[in-house]
């Protein structure tokens, strides 16, 4: 893996971790009380979209092939 690919791999991993952090919360301390905060935009739309962007970055990092003079 090239240094550029490795950097993209780390960036994709950090973006995916950010998506999982965005999903945290929304629960209720009392099990008898339903909390509608778990169904907000951040948890249902934004966090999965951020995780998908991270996965796309990971795919690009893995499939990326730099042109080098050694290969010619």
N, C-alpha and C. Protein backbone atom coordinates (compact mmCIF):
# COMPACT_ATOMS: atom_id res chain seq x y z
N UNK A 1 0.86 -1.17 0.00
CA UNK A 1 0.00 0.00 0.00
C UNK A 1 0.90 1.23 0.00
N UNK A 2 0.52 2.19 -0.80
CA UNK A 2 1.30 3.42 -0.90
C UNK A 2 1.02 4.32 0.29
N UNK A 3 1.93 5.28 0.54
CA UNK A 3 1.66 6.22 1.66
C UNK A 3 0.36 6.99 1.49
N UNK A 4 0.03 7.36 0.24
CA UNK A 4 -1.23 8.06 0.00
C UNK A 4 -2.41 7.16 0.31
N UNK A 5 -2.32 5.89 -0.09
CA UNK A 5 -3.39 4.93 0.20
C UNK A 5 -3.54 4.69 1.68
N UNK A 6 -2.41 4.65 2.39
CA UNK A 6 -2.46 4.44 3.83
C UNK A 6 -3.12 5.63 4.53
N UNK A 7 -2.81 6.84 4.07
CA UNK A 7 -3.45 8.04 4.64
C UNK A 7 -4.95 8.03 4.39
N UNK A 8 -5.35 7.65 3.17
CA UNK A 8 -6.78 7.56 2.86
C UNK A 8 -7.46 6.49 3.72
N UNK A 9 -6.76 5.40 3.96
CA UNK A 9 -7.29 4.32 4.79
C UNK A 9 -7.55 4.82 6.21
N UNK A 10 -6.61 5.55 6.78
CA UNK A 10 -6.77 6.10 8.14
C UNK A 10 -7.89 7.14 8.16
N UNK A 11 -7.97 7.99 7.15
CA UNK A 11 -9.03 8.99 7.10
C UNK A 11 -10.40 8.31 7.01
N UNK A 12 -10.51 7.28 6.18
CA UNK A 12 -11.78 6.55 6.08
C UNK A 12 -12.16 5.91 7.40
N UNK A 13 -11.19 5.36 8.09
CA UNK A 13 -11.45 4.75 9.40
C UNK A 13 -11.94 5.79 10.40
N UNK A 14 -11.32 6.96 10.40
CA UNK A 14 -11.74 8.03 11.32
C UNK A 14 -13.14 8.54 10.97
N UNK A 15 -13.47 8.62 9.69
CA UNK A 15 -14.81 9.05 9.28
C UNK A 15 -15.85 8.03 9.73
N UNK A 16 -15.53 6.75 9.60
CA UNK A 16 -16.46 5.72 10.06
C UNK A 16 -16.65 5.78 11.58
N UNK A 17 -15.58 6.00 12.32
CA UNK A 17 -15.69 6.12 13.78
C UNK A 17 -16.56 7.32 14.13
N UNK A 18 -16.40 8.43 13.40
CA UNK A 18 -17.24 9.61 13.62
C UNK A 18 -18.71 9.28 13.41
N UNK A 19 -19.02 8.48 12.39
CA UNK A 19 -20.40 8.08 12.15
C UNK A 19 -20.97 7.27 13.30
N UNK A 20 -20.16 6.35 13.84
CA UNK A 20 -20.64 5.57 14.98
C UNK A 20 -20.80 6.43 16.23
N UNK A 21 -19.95 7.42 16.40
CA UNK A 21 -20.10 8.33 17.55
C UNK A 21 -21.37 9.15 17.41
N UNK A 22 -21.72 9.53 16.17
CA UNK A 22 -22.97 10.28 15.96
C UNK A 22 -24.20 9.47 16.31
N UNK A 23 -24.12 8.14 16.29
CA UNK A 23 -25.26 7.30 16.62
C UNK A 23 -25.47 7.13 18.13
N UNK A 24 -24.49 7.51 18.92
CA UNK A 24 -24.57 7.30 20.37
C UNK A 24 -25.68 8.15 20.98
N UNK A 25 -26.35 7.59 21.97
CA UNK A 25 -27.32 8.35 22.75
C UNK A 25 -28.76 8.10 22.31
N UNK A 26 -29.65 8.88 22.89
CA UNK A 26 -31.06 8.80 22.54
C UNK A 26 -31.84 7.83 23.38
N UNK A 27 -31.18 7.15 24.28
CA UNK A 27 -31.88 6.21 25.14
C UNK A 27 -32.50 6.90 26.33
N UNK A 28 -33.24 6.14 27.09
CA UNK A 28 -33.88 6.68 28.28
C UNK A 28 -33.35 5.95 29.50
N UNK A 29 -33.18 6.68 30.58
CA UNK A 29 -32.72 6.06 31.83
C UNK A 29 -33.81 5.22 32.47
N UNK A 30 -35.05 5.61 32.25
CA UNK A 30 -36.19 4.88 32.80
C UNK A 30 -36.77 3.98 31.72
N UNK A 31 -36.77 2.66 31.90
CA UNK A 31 -37.29 1.77 30.85
C UNK A 31 -38.79 1.90 30.60
N UNK A 32 -39.52 2.54 31.50
CA UNK A 32 -40.96 2.72 31.34
C UNK A 32 -41.31 3.97 30.53
N UNK A 33 -40.30 4.79 30.22
CA UNK A 33 -40.53 6.03 29.48
C UNK A 33 -39.89 5.91 28.10
N UNK A 34 -40.71 6.13 27.07
CA UNK A 34 -40.19 6.05 25.70
C UNK A 34 -39.62 7.39 25.31
N UNK A 35 -38.41 7.39 24.77
CA UNK A 35 -37.75 8.62 24.37
C UNK A 35 -37.70 8.69 22.84
N UNK A 36 -38.35 9.69 22.28
CA UNK A 36 -38.37 9.86 20.83
C UNK A 36 -37.07 10.44 20.28
N UNK A 37 -36.13 10.80 21.15
CA UNK A 37 -34.86 11.37 20.69
C UNK A 37 -34.04 10.38 19.89
N UNK A 38 -34.33 9.09 20.03
CA UNK A 38 -33.56 8.10 19.26
C UNK A 38 -33.95 8.11 17.78
N UNK A 39 -35.03 8.78 17.42
CA UNK A 39 -35.48 8.83 16.04
C UNK A 39 -35.24 10.19 15.40
N UNK A 40 -34.19 10.89 15.79
CA UNK A 40 -33.93 12.19 15.20
C UNK A 40 -33.07 12.06 13.94
N UNK A 41 -32.90 13.16 13.25
CA UNK A 41 -32.18 13.20 11.98
C UNK A 41 -30.74 12.70 12.11
N UNK A 42 -30.09 13.09 13.18
CA UNK A 42 -28.68 12.73 13.35
C UNK A 42 -28.47 11.22 13.40
N UNK A 43 -29.33 10.51 14.10
CA UNK A 43 -29.15 9.07 14.27
C UNK A 43 -29.69 8.25 13.10
N UNK A 44 -30.74 8.72 12.45
CA UNK A 44 -31.35 7.94 11.37
C UNK A 44 -30.81 8.25 9.98
N UNK A 45 -30.31 9.46 9.76
CA UNK A 45 -29.88 9.85 8.42
C UNK A 45 -28.40 10.21 8.38
N UNK A 46 -27.99 11.12 9.24
CA UNK A 46 -26.63 11.65 9.17
C UNK A 46 -25.58 10.61 9.50
N UNK A 47 -25.74 9.89 10.59
CA UNK A 47 -24.74 8.90 11.00
C UNK A 47 -24.56 7.78 9.97
N UNK A 48 -25.62 7.17 9.45
CA UNK A 48 -25.40 6.15 8.41
C UNK A 48 -24.77 6.72 7.14
N UNK A 49 -25.12 7.95 6.78
CA UNK A 49 -24.51 8.57 5.60
C UNK A 49 -23.02 8.78 5.81
N UNK A 50 -22.63 9.21 7.01
CA UNK A 50 -21.21 9.42 7.31
C UNK A 50 -20.46 8.09 7.29
N UNK A 51 -21.07 7.04 7.79
CA UNK A 51 -20.44 5.71 7.77
C UNK A 51 -20.27 5.24 6.33
N UNK A 52 -21.28 5.45 5.48
CA UNK A 52 -21.16 5.06 4.07
C UNK A 52 -20.06 5.85 3.36
N UNK A 53 -19.92 7.12 3.67
CA UNK A 53 -18.82 7.92 3.10
C UNK A 53 -17.48 7.34 3.53
N UNK A 54 -17.38 6.94 4.80
CA UNK A 54 -16.15 6.31 5.29
C UNK A 54 -15.85 5.01 4.56
N UNK A 55 -16.87 4.23 4.28
CA UNK A 55 -16.67 2.97 3.55
C UNK A 55 -16.22 3.24 2.12
N UNK A 56 -16.78 4.26 1.48
CA UNK A 56 -16.36 4.63 0.13
C UNK A 56 -14.89 5.07 0.13
N UNK A 57 -14.50 5.84 1.14
CA UNK A 57 -13.10 6.26 1.25
C UNK A 57 -12.20 5.05 1.43
N UNK A 58 -12.64 4.08 2.22
CA UNK A 58 -11.85 2.85 2.41
C UNK A 58 -11.69 2.09 1.08
N UNK A 59 -12.76 2.00 0.31
CA UNK A 59 -12.69 1.31 -0.98
C UNK A 59 -11.73 2.03 -1.92
N UNK A 60 -11.81 3.36 -1.94
CA UNK A 60 -10.90 4.14 -2.77
C UNK A 60 -9.46 3.93 -2.33
N UNK A 61 -9.23 3.89 -1.01
CA UNK A 61 -7.88 3.69 -0.50
C UNK A 61 -7.34 2.33 -0.89
N UNK A 62 -8.17 1.32 -0.86
CA UNK A 62 -7.72 -0.03 -1.21
C UNK A 62 -7.51 -0.17 -2.72
N UNK A 63 -8.39 0.40 -3.51
CA UNK A 63 -8.32 0.25 -4.96
C UNK A 63 -7.36 1.25 -5.63
N UNK A 64 -6.93 2.27 -4.89
CA UNK A 64 -6.07 3.29 -5.44
C UNK A 64 -4.72 2.70 -5.85
N UNK A 65 -4.29 3.05 -7.05
CA UNK A 65 -3.00 2.58 -7.54
C UNK A 65 -2.27 3.79 -8.09
N UNK A 66 -1.21 4.22 -7.42
CA UNK A 66 -0.45 5.35 -7.88
C UNK A 66 0.43 4.95 -9.05
N UNK A 67 0.61 5.88 -9.96
CA UNK A 67 1.53 5.63 -11.07
C UNK A 67 2.96 5.87 -10.60
N UNK A 68 3.77 4.88 -10.75
CA UNK A 68 5.17 5.03 -10.36
C UNK A 68 6.05 4.58 -11.51
N UNK A 69 7.26 5.08 -11.56
CA UNK A 69 8.19 4.75 -12.63
C UNK A 69 8.70 3.32 -12.49
N UNK A 70 8.63 2.74 -11.30
CA UNK A 70 9.10 1.39 -11.09
C UNK A 70 8.22 0.36 -11.81
N UNK A 71 6.93 0.67 -11.99
CA UNK A 71 6.00 -0.26 -12.62
C UNK A 71 6.16 -0.29 -14.13
N UNK A 72 6.72 0.76 -14.72
CA UNK A 72 6.83 0.83 -16.18
C UNK A 72 7.90 -0.03 -16.74
